[in-house]
Amino acid sequence: MCTRILERCFGIGGGDGLLWHKDLKPHASGEYSIAVVQANSSLEDQGQVFTSPSATYIGVYDGHGGPEASRFITQHLFPFLHKFESEQGGLSADVIRKAFDTTEEEFLHLVKRLWRARPQIASVGSCCLVGVITNDDLYVANLGDSRAVLGRRVSGNQTDNQVVAERLSTDHNVAIEEVRREVKALHPDDSHIVVYSRGVWRIKGIIQVSRSIGDVYLKKPEFNRDPLFRQFVSPVYLRRPVMTAEPSILSRKLKPHDLFLIFASDGLWEQLSDEAAVEIVIKSPRVGIAKRLVRAALQEAARKREMRYDDIKKIEKGVRRHFHDDITVIVIYLDHPLGSSNGRFRAKSLASCTSAPVDISLNAGQAADTLQTVV
């Protein structure tokens, strides 16, 4: 049943201008909010939440070089997670890793099928951040520099209002010295594996993240050497793959003082610190909280350019990328144990999937939700 829902849940719609959102919806252990703002000519970010009475799945996919990889992940990763979870009798780090690996393999097959007609697709990739809540277990898996942050009360005392930000994901961006050392250690014979280019550190002067789905030409040197590909993309000499699709995976038990989770693409974290984002969630009403975080990021982007937020809203897609990136934000509130019979979602016995639009600016209505009774 869940698989059929997943197959039907990727309908698209639009929002007002370049901002799309769902203010507040139920999940098995609380409520969630999602928002996406488009900056690129084609929306390269994708976000989705799949909920059932037994689990909640969160995905943020930050594409680069084009939207194809992030859209591909949206359609394939969750179904693979469900397939392997069913085959192995439950969720585990191995199940998540296998779903990531299979998604990567299937995208490679797509690149090979389209190679002669669209060789540029070998240069398209996507960061991939996934969270799963099942029972009181939380799994966070990440490729790239999207980020998951937990807002938790400092102590178990319900009257203590001090809440801190705890980062749950590992960033794979060579802007971080530790990641640069990791990449250099894997390529001791290449003194130019990481170079400072156009104001930031980049692998081979090209890309900032060291892990992704896609970016096939940086993982499979034979694609990079093909004369057909070199007609469209500047060649780069590779001795071996310079990127991987191996996710970092964290698992932990959720505690009563764990209050909420923020999953967001790098576009948000370019503008807001972990602590600033958590503080906004703490001090704001729940309804529309993801949209509120997106707007706070846009206000900060405007401030850096000595502009007003209203001015940025008037800038069209494509041009807007010079001011901020696509931004996807999902806020997950953790209200009660997953197995609680008091949960509003459990009482309805429904499964639901919400996916952001494929391109916000091209659609007039809201993105479609799929909702179905679990039997």
Protein backbone atom coordinates (compact mmCIF):
# COMPACT_ATOMS: atom_id res chain seq x y z
CA MET A 1 0.00 0.00 0.00
CA CYS A 2 2.77 2.47 0.93
CA THR A 3 4.51 1.84 -2.38
CA ARG A 4 1.35 2.70 -4.34
CA ILE A 5 1.00 5.91 -2.37
CA LEU A 6 4.63 6.78 -3.07
CA GLU A 7 4.10 6.22 -6.78
CA ARG A 8 1.16 8.62 -6.76
CA CYS A 9 2.46 11.28 -4.40
CA PHE A 10 4.75 13.25 -6.67
CA GLY A 11 2.12 15.52 -8.20
CA ILE A 12 3.13 19.09 -8.79
CA GLY A 13 1.55 22.47 -8.35
CA GLY A 14 2.63 25.99 -7.73
CA GLY A 15 2.46 28.82 -5.29
CA ASP A 16 2.32 32.60 -5.23
CA GLY A 17 5.27 34.11 -7.09
CA LEU A 18 8.47 32.15 -6.38
CA LEU A 19 7.47 30.93 -2.90
CA TRP A 20 5.52 27.74 -2.24
CA HIS A 21 4.58 26.39 1.19
CA LYS A 22 2.40 24.15 3.32
CA ASP A 23 1.76 25.88 6.62
CA LEU A 24 1.12 22.91 8.94
CA LYS A 25 0.27 19.26 8.46
CA PRO A 26 0.15 16.25 10.82
CA HIS A 27 2.66 13.43 11.03
CA ALA A 28 2.86 10.42 13.35
CA SER A 29 4.59 12.20 16.22
CA GLY A 30 3.51 15.80 15.75
CA GLU A 31 3.20 18.35 12.96
CA TYR A 32 5.36 19.61 10.12
CA SER A 33 5.70 22.62 7.83
CA ILE A 34 7.43 22.89 4.45
CA ALA A 35 8.41 25.81 2.21
CA VAL A 36 10.47 26.29 -0.97
CA VAL A 37 11.57 29.46 -2.72
CA GLN A 38 12.92 29.40 -6.27
CA ALA A 39 15.93 31.44 -7.39
CA ASN A 40 17.30 29.48 -10.36
CA SER A 41 15.80 29.52 -13.85
CA SER A 42 14.74 25.93 -13.19
CA LEU A 43 14.06 24.97 -9.59
CA GLU A 44 17.01 22.75 -8.60
CA ASP A 45 15.83 22.18 -5.00
CA GLN A 46 13.29 19.49 -4.19
CA GLY A 47 11.71 18.60 -0.85
CA GLN A 48 9.22 15.95 0.29
CA VAL A 49 7.65 14.47 3.41
CA PHE A 50 6.03 11.02 3.52
CA THR A 51 4.01 10.20 6.62
CA SER A 52 2.29 7.06 7.85
CA PRO A 53 1.04 5.89 11.26
CA SER A 54 4.36 4.12 11.83
CA ALA A 55 7.01 6.43 10.35
CA THR A 56 7.86 9.84 8.92
CA TYR A 57 10.32 10.29 6.03
CA ILE A 58 11.88 13.67 5.20
CA GLY A 59 13.89 14.48 2.07
CA VAL A 60 15.74 17.62 0.94
CA TYR A 61 17.54 17.41 -2.40
CA ASP A 62 19.68 20.38 -3.48
CA GLY A 63 20.49 19.99 -7.16
CA HIS A 64 23.32 21.62 -9.09
CA GLY A 65 24.07 21.87 -12.80
CA GLY A 66 20.36 21.41 -13.52
CA PRO A 67 17.20 19.99 -11.91
CA GLU A 68 17.35 16.45 -13.30
CA ALA A 69 19.18 14.74 -10.41
CA SER A 70 17.07 16.25 -7.61
CA ARG A 71 13.86 15.38 -9.46
CA PHE A 72 15.14 11.84 -10.04
CA ILE A 73 15.86 11.41 -6.32
CA THR A 74 12.38 12.67 -5.46
CA GLN A 75 10.83 9.92 -7.56
CA HIS A 76 13.13 7.03 -6.59
CA LEU A 77 14.76 7.27 -3.16
CA PHE A 78 11.72 6.83 -0.88
CA PRO A 79 10.37 3.87 -2.90
CA PHE A 80 13.80 2.20 -2.61
CA LEU A 81 13.83 2.86 1.14
CA HIS A 82 10.43 1.20 1.50
CA LYS A 83 11.45 -1.73 -0.71
CA PHE A 84 14.64 -2.56 1.20
CA GLU A 85 13.02 -1.87 4.58
CA SER A 86 10.33 -4.44 3.73
CA GLU A 87 12.87 -6.97 2.45
CA GLN A 88 15.10 -6.68 5.53
CA GLY A 89 12.31 -6.50 8.10
CA GLY A 90 12.90 -2.98 9.33
CA LEU A 91 14.86 0.20 8.95
CA SER A 92 18.61 0.32 9.56
CA ALA A 93 21.69 2.20 8.46
CA ASP A 94 22.35 -0.61 5.96
CA VAL A 95 18.87 -0.18 4.46
CA ILE A 96 19.42 3.56 4.06
CA ARG A 97 22.86 3.05 2.55
CA LYS A 98 21.48 0.50 0.08
CA ALA A 99 18.70 2.89 -0.97
CA PHE A 100 21.27 5.65 -1.60
CA ASP A 101 23.50 3.26 -3.55
CA THR A 102 20.63 2.02 -5.70
CA THR A 103 19.44 5.55 -6.42
CA GLU A 104 22.96 6.43 -7.55
CA GLU A 105 23.14 3.33 -9.76
CA GLU A 106 19.78 4.03 -11.35
CA PHE A 107 20.74 7.61 -12.10
CA LEU A 108 23.91 6.33 -13.78
CA HIS A 109 21.72 4.06 -15.93
CA LEU A 110 19.64 7.11 -16.87
CA VAL A 111 22.78 9.03 -17.86
CA LYS A 112 23.90 6.13 -20.05
CA ARG A 113 20.49 5.92 -21.75
CA LEU A 114 20.44 9.65 -22.50
CA TRP A 115 24.14 9.97 -23.25
CA ARG A 116 24.01 10.41 -27.04
CA ALA A 117 21.07 12.83 -26.97
CA ARG A 118 21.98 14.77 -23.81
CA PRO A 119 25.61 14.26 -22.79
CA GLN A 120 25.41 17.28 -20.45
CA ILE A 121 23.36 15.19 -18.02
CA ALA A 122 26.64 13.60 -16.88
CA SER A 123 27.47 16.93 -15.21
CA VAL A 124 24.19 17.18 -13.24
CA GLY A 125 24.12 16.19 -9.57
CA SER A 126 22.36 16.74 -6.26
CA CYS A 127 23.03 16.85 -2.56
CA CYS A 128 20.74 14.50 -0.67
CA LEU A 129 19.55 14.84 2.96
CA VAL A 130 17.15 12.26 4.39
CA GLY A 131 15.59 11.87 7.82
CA VAL A 132 13.47 8.97 9.07
CA ILE A 133 11.56 8.81 12.36
CA THR A 134 10.26 5.39 13.35
CA ASN A 135 9.20 4.48 16.88
CA ASP A 136 11.58 6.63 18.95
CA ASP A 137 14.47 6.15 16.52
CA LEU A 138 15.78 8.95 14.33
CA TYR A 139 18.04 8.37 11.31
CA VAL A 140 19.71 11.21 9.41
CA ALA A 141 21.65 10.47 6.22
CA ASN A 142 23.45 13.08 4.16
CA LEU A 143 25.41 13.68 0.97
CA GLY A 144 26.62 17.23 0.42
CA ASP A 145 25.92 20.36 2.45
CA SER A 146 22.21 20.37 3.19
CA ARG A 147 21.76 20.23 6.94
CA ALA A 148 19.59 18.80 9.72
CA VAL A 149 19.48 20.66 13.04
CA LEU A 150 17.75 19.59 16.24
CA GLY A 151 16.20 22.04 18.66
CA ARG A 152 16.30 20.51 22.14
CA ARG A 153 15.68 21.68 25.66
CA VAL A 154 18.89 21.84 27.68
CA SER A 155 17.44 19.73 30.48
CA GLY A 156 14.51 17.38 30.85
CA ASN A 157 12.73 19.99 32.95
CA GLN A 158 9.58 20.99 31.05
CA THR A 159 9.66 24.45 32.67
CA ASP A 160 13.20 25.16 31.43
CA ASN A 161 12.81 27.27 28.30
CA GLN A 162 16.48 27.20 27.27
CA VAL A 163 16.71 25.49 23.88
CA VAL A 164 19.95 24.78 22.02
CA ALA A 165 20.78 23.89 18.42
CA GLU A 166 22.43 20.52 17.78
CA ARG A 167 23.64 19.74 14.27
CA LEU A 168 22.79 16.16 13.29
CA SER A 169 24.23 15.95 9.78
CA THR A 170 27.78 16.07 8.46
CA ASP A 171 28.56 18.71 5.83
CA HIS A 172 30.58 17.46 2.85
CA ASN A 173 31.85 20.80 1.55
CA VAL A 174 35.50 21.59 0.92
CA ALA A 175 34.97 25.04 2.41
CA ILE A 176 35.47 23.09 5.66
CA GLU A 177 39.15 22.41 6.38
CA GLU A 178 38.48 18.89 7.67
CA VAL A 179 36.73 17.96 4.42
CA ARG A 180 39.61 19.42 2.37
CA ARG A 181 42.05 17.26 4.34
CA GLU A 182 39.86 14.21 3.73
CA VAL A 183 39.76 14.81 -0.04
CA LYS A 184 43.51 15.51 -0.23
CA ALA A 185 44.28 12.32 1.72
CA LEU A 186 42.39 10.31 -0.91
CA HIS A 187 44.44 11.93 -3.71
CA PRO A 188 48.03 12.24 -2.45
CA ASP A 189 49.38 12.30 -6.01
CA ASP A 190 47.21 15.24 -7.13
CA SER A 191 48.38 18.58 -5.75
CA HIS A 192 45.48 20.36 -7.47
CA ILE A 193 42.66 18.15 -6.20
CA VAL A 194 41.32 21.10 -4.17
CA VAL A 195 41.95 24.66 -5.38
CA TYR A 196 40.75 28.10 -4.36
CA SER A 197 38.67 29.29 -7.31
CA ARG A 198 36.24 32.20 -7.74
CA GLY A 199 36.32 33.05 -4.05
CA VAL A 200 35.73 29.55 -2.64
CA TRP A 201 37.45 26.19 -2.31
CA ARG A 202 36.47 23.72 -5.05
CA ILE A 203 37.37 20.17 -6.04
CA LYS A 204 39.37 20.46 -9.29
CA GLY A 205 38.25 24.08 -9.38
CA ILE A 206 34.71 22.89 -10.23
CA ILE A 207 32.51 21.82 -7.33
CA GLN A 208 32.33 22.55 -3.60
CA VAL A 209 30.69 19.35 -2.31
CA SER A 210 32.62 16.09 -2.15
CA ARG A 211 29.61 13.73 -2.07
CA SER A 212 26.45 13.67 -4.16
CA ILE A 213 24.04 11.70 -6.30
CA GLY A 214 25.04 12.14 -9.94
CA ASP A 215 28.00 14.28 -11.10
CA VAL A 216 28.86 11.21 -13.14
CA TYR A 217 31.73 12.80 -15.06
CA LEU A 218 33.55 13.43 -11.77
CA LYS A 219 33.05 9.81 -10.69
CA LYS A 220 33.50 7.97 -13.98
CA PRO A 221 36.58 9.31 -15.85
CA GLU A 222 35.50 7.57 -19.07
CA PHE A 223 32.59 10.01 -19.41
CA ASN A 224 34.88 12.99 -18.95
CA ARG A 225 37.23 11.71 -21.66
CA ASP A 226 34.48 11.18 -24.24
CA PRO A 227 34.81 13.71 -27.14
CA LEU A 228 31.01 14.07 -27.24
CA PHE A 229 30.95 15.30 -23.64
CA ARG A 230 33.88 17.67 -24.25
CA GLN A 231 31.80 19.53 -26.82
CA PHE A 232 29.57 20.79 -24.00
CA VAL A 233 31.65 20.75 -20.79
CA SER A 234 35.25 21.86 -20.26
CA PRO A 235 37.39 18.74 -19.80
CA VAL A 236 39.19 18.01 -16.54
CA TYR A 237 41.92 15.42 -16.16
CA LEU A 238 41.03 12.73 -13.60
CA ARG A 239 43.25 9.90 -12.41
CA ARG A 240 40.34 8.43 -10.44
CA PRO A 241 36.87 9.46 -9.17
CA VAL A 242 36.97 12.68 -7.14
CA MET A 243 33.48 12.39 -5.61
CA THR A 244 31.47 9.62 -3.94
CA ALA A 245 27.86 8.80 -3.10
CA GLU A 246 28.65 7.34 0.33
CA PRO A 247 26.30 9.00 2.86
CA SER A 248 27.18 9.89 6.41
CA ILE A 249 24.50 8.34 8.64
CA LEU A 250 23.58 9.23 12.21
CA SER A 251 21.13 7.28 14.36
CA ARG A 252 19.88 8.23 17.81
CA LYS A 253 16.99 7.73 20.20
CA LEU A 254 14.63 10.67 20.46
CA LYS A 255 14.24 12.06 23.98
CA PRO A 256 11.38 14.00 25.60
CA HIS A 257 13.48 17.19 25.51
CA ASP A 258 13.96 16.92 21.71
CA LEU A 259 11.47 19.52 20.48
CA PHE A 260 11.81 19.92 16.71
CA LEU A 261 13.98 19.25 13.66
CA ILE A 262 14.94 21.63 10.85
CA PHE A 263 15.90 20.04 7.53
CA ALA A 264 17.06 22.58 4.95
CA SER A 265 19.16 22.99 1.83
CA ASP A 266 22.36 25.00 1.84
CA GLY A 267 20.46 28.05 0.60
CA LEU A 268 19.07 28.57 4.11
CA TRP A 269 22.36 27.94 5.94
CA GLU A 270 24.18 30.42 3.68
CA GLN A 271 22.04 33.10 5.33
CA LEU A 272 21.21 31.80 8.84
CA SER A 273 23.26 30.06 11.51
CA ASP A 274 21.98 26.90 13.21
CA GLU A 275 21.33 28.92 16.36
CA ALA A 276 19.46 31.71 14.55
CA ALA A 277 17.17 29.21 12.80
CA VAL A 278 16.39 27.40 16.05
CA GLU A 279 15.65 30.69 17.81
CA ILE A 280 13.17 31.67 15.10
CA VAL A 281 11.32 28.37 15.51
CA ILE A 282 11.23 28.73 19.30
CA LYS A 283 9.84 32.26 19.21
CA SER A 284 7.34 31.88 16.34
CA PRO A 285 3.89 30.33 15.93
CA ARG A 286 3.86 26.91 14.35
CA VAL A 287 1.61 27.76 11.45
CA GLY A 288 3.80 28.75 8.50
CA ILE A 289 7.07 28.26 10.39
CA ALA A 290 8.96 26.92 7.35
CA LYS A 291 7.85 29.93 5.30
CA ARG A 292 8.97 32.18 8.17
CA LEU A 293 12.47 30.67 8.06
CA VAL A 294 12.65 31.14 4.29
CA ARG A 295 11.62 34.77 4.64
CA ALA A 296 14.20 35.33 7.38
CA ALA A 297 16.86 34.00 5.01
CA LEU A 298 15.65 36.27 2.21
CA GLN A 299 15.66 39.26 4.55
CA GLU A 300 19.27 38.48 5.46
CA ALA A 301 20.20 38.11 1.77
CA ALA A 302 18.59 41.50 1.13
CA ARG A 303 20.41 43.08 4.06
CA LYS A 304 23.77 41.92 2.70
CA ARG A 305 23.01 43.73 -0.57
CA GLU A 306 21.64 46.79 1.24
CA MET A 307 18.23 46.11 -0.24
CA ARG A 308 14.75 45.58 1.10
CA TYR A 309 13.11 42.17 1.18
CA ASP A 310 10.28 43.55 -0.99
CA ASP A 311 12.87 44.43 -3.64
CA ILE A 312 14.21 40.88 -3.80
CA LYS A 313 10.67 39.53 -4.20
CA LYS A 314 10.35 41.51 -7.44
CA ILE A 315 13.45 39.94 -9.02
CA GLU A 316 12.66 37.21 -11.54
CA LYS A 317 13.97 33.67 -11.40
CA GLY A 318 17.42 33.19 -12.87
CA VAL A 319 18.49 36.75 -12.10
CA ARG A 320 17.46 36.10 -8.52
CA ARG A 321 20.19 33.46 -8.21
CA HIS A 322 22.71 36.32 -7.95
CA PHE A 323 21.10 37.25 -4.61
CA HIS A 324 20.29 33.87 -3.05
CA ASP A 325 20.05 30.18 -3.90
CA ASP A 326 16.96 27.99 -4.10
CA ILE A 327 15.90 27.33 -0.49
CA THR A 328 14.00 24.34 0.88
CA VAL A 329 12.97 24.17 4.56
CA ILE A 330 11.10 21.43 6.43
CA VAL A 331 10.35 21.81 10.14
CA ILE A 332 9.29 18.68 12.04
CA TYR A 333 7.74 19.18 15.49
CA LEU A 334 8.20 16.29 17.95
CA ASP A 335 5.16 16.38 20.21
CA HIS A 336 4.55 12.88 21.50
CA PRO A 337 5.91 9.32 21.28
CA LEU A 338 5.38 7.76 17.88
CA GLY A 339 3.40 4.91 19.38
CA SER A 340 1.03 7.20 21.29
CA SER A 341 -2.63 6.42 20.73
CA ASN A 342 -3.38 10.10 21.28
CA GLY A 343 -1.68 11.24 18.10
CA ARG A 344 -4.06 12.94 15.69
CA PHE A 345 -2.34 11.33 12.72
CA ARG A 346 -2.57 7.82 14.15
CA ALA A 347 -6.25 8.30 14.86
CA LYS A 348 -6.90 9.00 11.19
CA SER A 349 -4.91 5.92 10.07
CA LEU A 350 -3.78 7.68 6.93
CA ALA A 351 -0.64 7.80 4.88
CA SER A 352 0.27 11.03 3.14
CA CYS A 353 2.98 12.44 0.90
CA THR A 354 3.73 16.10 0.24
CA SER A 355 6.25 17.06 -2.43
CA ALA A 356 7.31 20.54 -3.45
CA PRO A 357 6.52 21.69 -7.01
CA VAL A 358 8.90 20.80 -9.82
CA ASP A 359 8.95 24.48 -10.81
CA ILE A 360 7.10 26.99 -8.65
CA SER A 361 6.92 29.77 -11.22
CA LEU A 362 5.21 27.60 -13.84
CA ASN A 363 2.26 26.46 -11.76
CA ALA A 364 -0.86 28.25 -10.61
CA GLY A 365 -2.12 25.99 -7.84
CA GLN A 366 -0.72 24.28 -4.77
CA ALA A 367 1.34 21.11 -5.11
CA ALA A 368 -0.74 17.98 -4.83
CA ASP A 369 -0.87 15.91 -1.67
CA THR A 370 -1.73 12.24 -1.75
CA LEU A 371 -3.71 10.87 1.16
CA GLN A 372 -4.98 7.32 1.53
CA THR A 373 -6.33 5.11 4.28
CA VAL A 374 -3.91 2.42 5.37
CA VAL A 375 -5.57 -0.99 5.40
